[in-house]
Amino acid sequence: MQKLEKLIERIIRRVHINLRDLEVDVGPFLKPSIPLKKLSEFYAFYGITGHHPLHFRFSGSNLAGSYFLGKCQVDGSIVHGLRRLGL
């Protein structure tokens, strides 16, 4: 749980850097909207090759430190460190 909380704090700090000119504090908005207990219960493990024609669509998700091969569409989500590898 502590690692997850540290990750959220890091995301908030990065957002603050990007919004420093506007002097906006996103912490009070982000923290209540992230279900920590729910996030700590689930993990995703996956393995694929470059031979799979993939199209990912994430809606209302929390994504961090992920690499995706193929099309990737993200909306209404918290995204940190996402990389899309196109062919």
PDB file of N, CA and C in Angstrom:
ATOM      1  N   MET A   1       0.828  -1.188   0.000  1.00  0.00           N
ATOM      2  CA  MET A   1       0.000   0.000   0.000  1.00  0.00           C
ATOM      3  C   MET A   1       0.877   1.259   0.000  1.00  0.00           C
ATOM      4  N   GLN A   2       2.005   1.206   0.720  1.00  0.00           N
ATOM      5  CA  GLN A   2       2.884   2.375   0.779  1.00  0.00           C
ATOM      6  C   GLN A   2       3.466   2.708  -0.592  1.00  0.00           C
ATOM      7  N   LYS A   3       3.811   1.684  -1.368  1.00  0.00           N
ATOM      8  CA  LYS A   3       4.361   1.931  -2.704  1.00  0.00           C
ATOM      9  C   LYS A   3       3.315   2.576  -3.601  1.00  0.00           C
ATOM     10  N   LEU A   4       2.089   2.138  -3.463  1.00  0.00           N
ATOM     11  CA  LEU A   4       1.002   2.717  -4.247  1.00  0.00           C
ATOM     12  C   LEU A   4       0.774   4.181  -3.864  1.00  0.00           C
ATOM     13  N   GLU A   5       0.814   4.466  -2.574  1.00  0.00           N
ATOM     14  CA  GLU A   5       0.662   5.852  -2.113  1.00  0.00           C
ATOM     15  C   GLU A   5       1.819   6.724  -2.601  1.00  0.00           C
ATOM     16  N   LYS A   6       3.042   6.172  -2.594  1.00  0.00           N
ATOM     17  CA  LYS A   6       4.197   6.919  -3.105  1.00  0.00           C
ATOM     18  C   LYS A   6       4.046   7.196  -4.598  1.00  0.00           C
ATOM     19  N   LEU A   7       3.531   6.217  -5.336  1.00  0.00           N
ATOM     20  CA  LEU A   7       3.312   6.400  -6.772  1.00  0.00           C
ATOM     21  C   LEU A   7       2.310   7.523  -7.027  1.00  0.00           C
ATOM     22  N   ILE A   8       1.235   7.539  -6.266  1.00  0.00           N
ATOM     23  CA  ILE A   8       0.217   8.585  -6.427  1.00  0.00           C
ATOM     24  C   ILE A   8       0.808   9.956  -6.093  1.00  0.00           C
ATOM     25  N   GLU A   9       1.606  10.027  -5.032  1.00  0.00           N
ATOM     26  CA  GLU A   9       2.261  11.294  -4.680  1.00  0.00           C
ATOM     27  C   GLU A   9       3.200  11.750  -5.794  1.00  0.00           C
ATOM     28  N   ARG A  10       3.905  10.800  -6.397  1.00  0.00           N
ATOM     29  CA  ARG A  10       4.813  11.149  -7.502  1.00  0.00           C
ATOM     30  C   ARG A  10       4.028  11.671  -8.704  1.00  0.00           C
ATOM     31  N   ILE A  11       2.912  11.031  -9.003  1.00  0.00           N
ATOM     32  CA  ILE A  11       2.059  11.494 -10.104  1.00  0.00           C
ATOM     33  C   ILE A  11       1.585  12.920  -9.831  1.00  0.00           C
ATOM     34  N   ILE A  12       1.152  13.178  -8.605  1.00  0.00           N
ATOM     35  CA  ILE A  12       0.673  14.517  -8.241  1.00  0.00           C
ATOM     36  C   ILE A  12       1.799  15.543  -8.382  1.00  0.00           C
ATOM     37  N   ARG A  13       3.010  15.185  -7.942  1.00  0.00           N
ATOM     38  CA  ARG A  13       4.146  16.109  -8.087  1.00  0.00           C
ATOM     39  C   ARG A  13       4.428  16.410  -9.557  1.00  0.00           C
ATOM     40  N   ARG A  14       4.355  15.380 -10.413  1.00  0.00           N
ATOM     41  CA  ARG A  14       4.610  15.582 -11.845  1.00  0.00           C
ATOM     42  C   ARG A  14       3.544  16.475 -12.474  1.00  0.00           C
ATOM     43  N   VAL A  15       2.296  16.282 -12.065  1.00  0.00           N
ATOM     44  CA  VAL A  15       1.222  17.134 -12.584  1.00  0.00           C
ATOM     45  C   VAL A  15       1.442  18.573 -12.130  1.00  0.00           C
ATOM     46  N   HIS A  16       1.862  18.746 -10.876  1.00  0.00           N
ATOM     47  CA  HIS A  16       2.139  20.093 -10.361  1.00  0.00           C
ATOM     48  C   HIS A  16       3.226  20.784 -11.180  1.00  0.00           C
ATOM     49  N   ILE A  17       4.239  20.032 -11.587  1.00  0.00           N
ATOM     50  CA  ILE A  17       5.302  20.610 -12.416  1.00  0.00           C
ATOM     51  C   ILE A  17       4.721  21.105 -13.736  1.00  0.00           C
ATOM     52  N   ASN A  18       3.855  20.296 -14.345  1.00  0.00           N
ATOM     53  CA  ASN A  18       3.262  20.677 -15.631  1.00  0.00           C
ATOM     54  C   ASN A  18       2.284  21.843 -15.509  1.00  0.00           C
ATOM     55  N   LEU A  19       1.686  22.012 -14.328  1.00  0.00           N
ATOM     56  CA  LEU A  19       0.699  23.084 -14.130  1.00  0.00           C
ATOM     57  C   LEU A  19       1.223  24.208 -13.239  1.00  0.00           C
ATOM     58  N   ARG A  20       2.532  24.306 -13.095  1.00  0.00           N
ATOM     59  CA  ARG A  20       3.104  25.287 -12.158  1.00  0.00           C
ATOM     60  C   ARG A  20       2.720  26.723 -12.491  1.00  0.00           C
ATOM     61  N   ASP A  21       2.563  27.034 -13.772  1.00  0.00           N
ATOM     62  CA  ASP A  21       2.187  28.406 -14.139  1.00  0.00           C
ATOM     63  C   ASP A  21       0.763  28.750 -13.701  1.00  0.00           C
ATOM     64  N   LEU A  22      -0.093  27.738 -13.606  1.00  0.00           N
ATOM     65  CA  LEU A  22      -1.490  27.968 -13.215  1.00  0.00           C
ATOM     66  C   LEU A  22      -1.693  27.919 -11.701  1.00  0.00           C
ATOM     67  N   GLU A  23      -0.683  27.448 -10.966  1.00  0.00           N
ATOM     68  CA  GLU A  23      -0.749  27.320  -9.509  1.00  0.00           C
ATOM     69  C   GLU A  23      -1.974  26.518  -9.056  1.00  0.00           C
ATOM     70  N   VAL A  24      -2.149  25.360  -9.664  1.00  0.00           N
ATOM     71  CA  VAL A  24      -3.275  24.479  -9.352  1.00  0.00           C
ATOM     72  C   VAL A  24      -2.779  23.327  -8.490  1.00  0.00           C
ATOM     73  N   ASP A  25      -3.492  23.011  -7.414  1.00  0.00           N
ATOM     74  CA  ASP A  25      -3.180  21.863  -6.569  1.00  0.00           C
ATOM     75  C   ASP A  25      -4.154  20.737  -6.916  1.00  0.00           C
ATOM     76  N   VAL A  26      -3.646  19.687  -7.586  1.00  0.00           N
ATOM     77  CA  VAL A  26      -4.525  18.594  -8.022  1.00  0.00           C
ATOM     78  C   VAL A  26      -4.691  17.513  -6.959  1.00  0.00           C
ATOM     79  N   GLY A  27      -3.884  17.557  -5.892  1.00  0.00           N
ATOM     80  CA  GLY A  27      -3.958  16.545  -4.840  1.00  0.00           C
ATOM     81  C   GLY A  27      -5.346  16.339  -4.264  1.00  0.00           C
ATOM     82  N   PRO A  28      -6.050  17.412  -3.867  1.00  0.00           N
ATOM     83  CA  PRO A  28      -7.390  17.246  -3.304  1.00  0.00           C
ATOM     84  C   PRO A  28      -8.402  16.648  -4.289  1.00  0.00           C
ATOM     85  N   PHE A  29      -8.126  16.747  -5.574  1.00  0.00           N
ATOM     86  CA  PHE A  29      -9.033  16.171  -6.570  1.00  0.00           C
ATOM     87  C   PHE A  29      -8.678  14.719  -6.878  1.00  0.00           C
ATOM     88  N   LEU A  30      -7.373  14.423  -6.974  1.00  0.00           N
ATOM     89  CA  LEU A  30      -6.944  13.076  -7.344  1.00  0.00           C
ATOM     90  C   LEU A  30      -7.072  12.063  -6.213  1.00  0.00           C
ATOM     91  N   LYS A  31      -6.597  12.423  -5.026  1.00  0.00           N
ATOM     92  CA  LYS A  31      -6.558  11.456  -3.922  1.00  0.00           C
ATOM     93  C   LYS A  31      -7.909  10.807  -3.623  1.00  0.00           C
ATOM     94  N   PRO A  32      -9.014  11.554  -3.508  1.00  0.00           N
ATOM     95  CA  PRO A  32     -10.295  10.901  -3.215  1.00  0.00           C
ATOM     96  C   PRO A  32     -10.837  10.067  -4.384  1.00  0.00           C
ATOM     97  N   SER A  33     -10.341  10.327  -5.589  1.00  0.00           N
ATOM     98  CA  SER A  33     -10.881   9.614  -6.752  1.00  0.00           C
ATOM     99  C   SER A  33     -10.151   8.310  -7.051  1.00  0.00           C
ATOM    100  N   ILE A  34      -9.088   7.997  -6.301  1.00  0.00           N
ATOM    101  CA  ILE A  34      -8.312   6.776  -6.536  1.00  0.00           C
ATOM    102  C   ILE A  34      -8.620   5.773  -5.426  1.00  0.00           C
ATOM    103  N   PRO A  35      -9.259   4.642  -5.758  1.00  0.00           N
ATOM    104  CA  PRO A  35      -9.607   3.632  -4.746  1.00  0.00           C
ATOM    105  C   PRO A  35      -8.390   2.774  -4.375  1.00  0.00           C
ATOM    106  N   LEU A  36      -7.627   3.179  -3.356  1.00  0.00           N
ATOM    107  CA  LEU A  36      -6.384   2.491  -2.997  1.00  0.00           C
ATOM    108  C   LEU A  36      -6.585   1.018  -2.659  1.00  0.00           C
ATOM    109  N   LYS A  37      -7.583   0.703  -1.861  1.00  0.00           N
ATOM    110  CA  LYS A  37      -7.797  -0.694  -1.467  1.00  0.00           C
ATOM    111  C   LYS A  37      -8.104  -1.568  -2.677  1.00  0.00           C
ATOM    112  N   LYS A  38      -8.893  -1.043  -3.585  1.00  0.00           N
ATOM    113  CA  LYS A  38      -9.249  -1.794  -4.785  1.00  0.00           C
ATOM    114  C   LYS A  38      -8.026  -2.014  -5.678  1.00  0.00           C
ATOM    115  N   LEU A  39      -7.201  -0.980  -5.808  1.00  0.00           N
ATOM    116  CA  LEU A  39      -6.011  -1.086  -6.651  1.00  0.00           C
ATOM    117  C   LEU A  39      -5.007  -2.084  -6.098  1.00  0.00           C
ATOM    118  N   SER A  40      -4.903  -2.196  -4.787  1.00  0.00           N
ATOM    119  CA  SER A  40      -3.932  -3.113  -4.199  1.00  0.00           C
ATOM    120  C   SER A  40      -4.364  -4.574  -4.310  1.00  0.00           C
ATOM    121  N   GLU A  41      -5.614  -4.834  -4.670  1.00  0.00           N
ATOM    122  CA  GLU A  41      -6.107  -6.207  -4.798  1.00  0.00           C
ATOM    123  C   GLU A  41      -5.844  -6.814  -6.168  1.00  0.00           C
ATOM    124  N   PHE A  42      -5.632  -5.995  -7.184  1.00  0.00           N
ATOM    125  CA  PHE A  42      -5.555  -6.501  -8.546  1.00  0.00           C
ATOM    126  C   PHE A  42      -4.212  -6.189  -9.185  1.00  0.00           C
ATOM    127  N   TYR A  43      -3.703  -7.163  -9.924  1.00  0.00           N
ATOM    128  CA  TYR A  43      -2.479  -7.000 -10.694  1.00  0.00           C
ATOM    129  C   TYR A  43      -2.743  -7.532 -12.092  1.00  0.00           C
ATOM    130  N   ALA A  44      -2.025  -7.012 -13.055  1.00  0.00           N
ATOM    131  CA  ALA A  44      -2.168  -7.493 -14.428  1.00  0.00           C
ATOM    132  C   ALA A  44      -0.812  -7.972 -14.919  1.00  0.00           C
ATOM    133  N   PHE A  45      -0.779  -9.172 -15.434  1.00  0.00           N
ATOM    134  CA  PHE A  45       0.416  -9.730 -16.034  1.00  0.00           C
ATOM    135  C   PHE A  45       0.049 -10.180 -17.431  1.00  0.00           C
ATOM    136  N   TYR A  46       0.869  -9.829 -18.392  1.00  0.00           N
ATOM    137  CA  TYR A  46       0.559 -10.206 -19.760  1.00  0.00           C
ATOM    138  C   TYR A  46       1.848 -10.360 -20.548  1.00  0.00           C
ATOM    139  N   GLY A  47       1.786 -11.168 -21.578  1.00  0.00           N
ATOM    140  CA  GLY A  47       2.924 -11.346 -22.468  1.00  0.00           C
ATOM    141  C   GLY A  47       2.417 -11.607 -23.873  1.00  0.00           C
ATOM    142  N   ILE A  48       2.940 -10.862 -24.832  1.00  0.00           N
ATOM    143  CA  ILE A  48       2.516 -11.016 -26.220  1.00  0.00           C
ATOM    144  C   ILE A  48       3.727 -10.864 -27.126  1.00  0.00           C
ATOM    145  N   THR A  49       3.541 -11.172 -28.386  1.00  0.00           N
ATOM    146  CA  THR A  49       4.605 -10.989 -29.370  1.00  0.00           C
ATOM    147  C   THR A  49       4.182  -9.921 -30.363  1.00  0.00           C
ATOM    148  N   GLY A  50       5.080  -9.558 -31.238  1.00  0.00           N
ATOM    149  CA  GLY A  50       4.796  -8.565 -32.262  1.00  0.00           C
ATOM    150  C   GLY A  50       3.888  -9.072 -33.363  1.00  0.00           C
ATOM    151  N   HIS A  51       3.497 -10.334 -33.306  1.00  0.00           N
ATOM    152  CA  HIS A  51       2.643 -10.926 -34.342  1.00  0.00           C
ATOM    153  C   HIS A  51       1.153 -10.773 -34.047  1.00  0.00           C
ATOM    154  N   HIS A  52       0.809 -10.164 -32.934  1.00  0.00           N
ATOM    155  CA  HIS A  52      -0.594  -9.972 -32.569  1.00  0.00           C
ATOM    156  C   HIS A  52      -1.049  -8.566 -32.974  1.00  0.00           C
ATOM    157  N   PRO A  53      -2.072  -8.455 -33.830  1.00  0.00           N
ATOM    158  CA  PRO A  53      -2.605  -7.121 -34.152  1.00  0.00           C
ATOM    159  C   PRO A  53      -3.495  -6.643 -32.999  1.00  0.00           C
ATOM    160  N   LEU A  54      -2.978  -5.754 -32.180  1.00  0.00           N
ATOM    161  CA  LEU A  54      -3.689  -5.369 -30.960  1.00  0.00           C
ATOM    162  C   LEU A  54      -4.210  -3.940 -31.026  1.00  0.00           C
ATOM    163  N   HIS A  55      -5.326  -3.738 -30.352  1.00  0.00           N
ATOM    164  CA  HIS A  55      -5.896  -2.405 -30.183  1.00  0.00           C
ATOM    165  C   HIS A  55      -6.394  -2.325 -28.743  1.00  0.00           C
ATOM    166  N   PHE A  56      -5.734  -1.524 -27.934  1.00  0.00           N
ATOM    167  CA  PHE A  56      -6.117  -1.360 -26.533  1.00  0.00           C
ATOM    168  C   PHE A  56      -6.982  -0.123 -26.380  1.00  0.00           C
ATOM    169  N   ARG A  57      -8.017  -0.238 -25.569  1.00  0.00           N
ATOM    170  CA  ARG A  57      -8.828   0.932 -25.216  1.00  0.00           C
ATOM    171  C   ARG A  57      -9.032   0.916 -23.712  1.00  0.00           C
ATOM    172  N   PHE A  58      -8.561   1.962 -23.058  1.00  0.00           N
ATOM    173  CA  PHE A  58      -8.673   2.085 -21.613  1.00  0.00           C
ATOM    174  C   PHE A  58      -9.594   3.241 -21.292  1.00  0.00           C
ATOM    175  N   SER A  59     -10.582   2.972 -20.471  1.00  0.00           N
ATOM    176  CA  SER A  59     -11.531   4.005 -20.082  1.00  0.00           C
ATOM    177  C   SER A  59     -11.735   3.916 -18.578  1.00  0.00           C
ATOM    178  N   GLY A  60     -11.583   5.038 -17.886  1.00  0.00           N
ATOM    179  CA  GLY A  60     -11.738   5.044 -16.430  1.00  0.00           C
ATOM    180  C   GLY A  60     -10.723   4.167 -15.735  1.00  0.00           C
ATOM    181  N   SER A  61      -9.464   4.196 -16.199  1.00  0.00           N
ATOM    182  CA  SER A  61      -8.425   3.304 -15.689  1.00  0.00           C
ATOM    183  C   SER A  61      -7.315   4.076 -14.987  1.00  0.00           C
ATOM    184  N   ASN A  62      -6.492   3.340 -14.251  1.00  0.00           N
ATOM    185  CA  ASN A  62      -5.264   3.866 -13.668  1.00  0.00           C
ATOM    186  C   ASN A  62      -4.121   3.071 -14.279  1.00  0.00           C
ATOM    187  N   LEU A  63      -3.289   3.709 -15.067  1.00  0.00           N
ATOM    188  CA  LEU A  63      -2.196   3.028 -15.746  1.00  0.00           C
ATOM    189  C   LEU A  63      -0.879   3.654 -15.333  1.00  0.00           C
ATOM    190  N   ALA A  64       0.112   2.805 -15.026  1.00  0.00           N
ATOM    191  CA  ALA A  64       1.425   3.336 -14.655  1.00  0.00           C
ATOM    192  C   ALA A  64       2.515   2.399 -15.139  1.00  0.00           C
ATOM    193  N   GLY A  65       3.545   2.973 -15.730  1.00  0.00           N
ATOM    194  CA  GLY A  65       4.724   2.208 -16.122  1.00  0.00           C
ATOM    195  C   GLY A  65       4.445   1.074 -17.074  1.00  0.00           C
ATOM    196  N   SER A  66       3.561   1.259 -18.021  1.00  0.00           N
ATOM    197  CA  SER A  66       3.189   0.187 -18.939  1.00  0.00           C
ATOM    198  C   SER A  66       3.663   0.482 -20.355  1.00  0.00           C
ATOM    199  N   TYR A  67       3.943  -0.582 -21.086  1.00  0.00           N
ATOM    200  CA  TYR A  67       4.308  -0.485 -22.488  1.00  0.00           C
ATOM    201  C   TYR A  67       3.261  -1.243 -23.289  1.00  0.00           C
ATOM    202  N   PHE A  68       2.753  -0.635 -24.346  1.00  0.00           N
ATOM    203  CA  PHE A  68       1.731  -1.270 -25.163  1.00  0.00           C
ATOM    204  C   PHE A  68       2.186  -1.307 -26.608  1.00  0.00           C
ATOM    205  N   LEU A  69       2.012  -2.454 -27.232  1.00  0.00           N
ATOM    206  CA  LEU A  69       2.373  -2.646 -28.626  1.00  0.00           C
ATOM    207  C   LEU A  69       1.095  -2.635 -29.439  1.00  0.00           C
ATOM    208  N   GLY A  70       0.946  -1.682 -30.344  1.00  0.00           N
ATOM    209  CA  GLY A  70      -0.257  -1.586 -31.157  1.00  0.00           C
ATOM    210  C   GLY A  70      -0.989  -0.284 -30.897  1.00  0.00           C
ATOM    211  N   LYS A  71      -2.238  -0.229 -31.368  1.00  0.00           N
ATOM    212  CA  LYS A  71      -3.045   0.973 -31.154  1.00  0.00           C
ATOM    213  C   LYS A  71      -3.430   1.072 -29.683  1.00  0.00           C
ATOM    214  N   CYS A  72      -3.452   2.286 -29.178  1.00  0.00           N
ATOM    215  CA  CYS A  72      -3.792   2.495 -27.776  1.00  0.00           C
ATOM    216  C   CYS A  72      -4.641   3.752 -27.663  1.00  0.00           C
ATOM    217  N   GLN A  73      -5.838   3.604 -27.137  1.00  0.00           N
ATOM    218  CA  GLN A  73      -6.768   4.714 -26.958  1.00  0.00           C
ATOM    219  C   GLN A  73      -7.068   4.833 -25.466  1.00  0.00           C
ATOM    220  N   VAL A  74      -6.880   6.022 -24.905  1.00  0.00           N
ATOM    221  CA  VAL A  74      -7.063   6.223 -23.467  1.00  0.00           C
ATOM    222  C   VAL A  74      -7.975   7.418 -23.241  1.00  0.00           C
ATOM    223  N   ASP A  75      -9.023   7.227 -22.423  1.00  0.00           N
ATOM    224  CA  ASP A  75      -9.884   8.360 -22.084  1.00  0.00           C
ATOM    225  C   ASP A  75     -10.384   8.222 -20.649  1.00  0.00           C
ATOM    226  N   GLY A  76     -10.539   9.354 -19.985  1.00  0.00           N
ATOM    227  CA  GLY A  76     -11.029   9.367 -18.606  1.00  0.00           C
ATOM    228  C   GLY A  76     -10.168   8.552 -17.665  1.00  0.00           C
ATOM    229  N   SER A  77      -8.839   8.600 -17.830  1.00  0.00           N
ATOM    230  CA  SER A  77      -7.943   7.748 -17.070  1.00  0.00           C
ATOM    231  C   SER A  77      -6.792   8.540 -16.466  1.00  0.00           C
ATOM    232  N   ILE A  78      -6.186   7.952 -15.438  1.00  0.00           N
ATOM    233  CA  ILE A  78      -4.957   8.493 -14.871  1.00  0.00           C
ATOM    234  C   ILE A  78      -3.821   7.718 -15.516  1.00  0.00           C
ATOM    235  N   VAL A  79      -2.948   8.419 -16.216  1.00  0.00           N
ATOM    236  CA  VAL A  79      -1.878   7.768 -16.966  1.00  0.00           C
ATOM    237  C   VAL A  79      -0.540   8.327 -16.509  1.00  0.00           C
ATOM    238  N   HIS A  80       0.389   7.436 -16.158  1.00  0.00           N
ATOM    239  CA  HIS A  80       1.727   7.866 -15.753  1.00  0.00           C
ATOM    240  C   HIS A  80       2.738   6.898 -16.355  1.00  0.00           C
ATOM    241  N   GLY A  81       3.682   7.405 -17.108  1.00  0.00           N
ATOM    242  CA  GLY A  81       4.746   6.561 -17.655  1.00  0.00           C
ATOM    243  C   GLY A  81       4.273   5.597 -18.722  1.00  0.00           C
ATOM    244  N   LEU A  82       3.224   5.938 -19.444  1.00  0.00           N
ATOM    245  CA  LEU A  82       2.688   5.057 -20.481  1.00  0.00           C
ATOM    246  C   LEU A  82       3.510   5.210 -21.747  1.00  0.00           C
ATOM    247  N   ARG A  83       3.875   4.112 -22.354  1.00  0.00           N
ATOM    248  CA  ARG A  83       4.603   4.119 -23.617  1.00  0.00           C
ATOM    249  C   ARG A  83       3.833   3.273 -24.620  1.00  0.00           C
ATOM    250  N   ARG A  84       3.655   3.819 -25.809  1.00  0.00           N
ATOM    251  CA  ARG A  84       3.020   3.044 -26.869  1.00  0.00           C
ATOM    252  C   ARG A  84       4.074   2.762 -27.916  1.00  0.00           C
ATOM    253  N   LEU A  85       4.276   1.487 -28.201  1.00  0.00           N
ATOM    254  CA  LEU A  85       5.254   1.078 -29.195  1.00  0.00           C
ATOM    255  C   LEU A  85       4.513   0.758 -30.479  1.00  0.00           C
ATOM    256  N   GLY A  86       4.611   1.601 -31.472  1.00  0.00           N
ATOM    257  CA  GLY A  86       3.918   1.377 -32.743  1.00  0.00           C
ATOM    258  C   GLY A  86       4.785   0.595 -33.709  1.00  0.00           C
ATOM    259  N   LEU A  87       4.144  -0.084 -34.619  1.00  0.00           N
ATOM    260  CA  LEU A  87       4.874  -0.841 -35.643  1.00  0.00           C
ATOM    261  C   LEU A  87       4.808  -0.120 -36.958  1.00  0.00           C
TER     262      LEU A  87
END
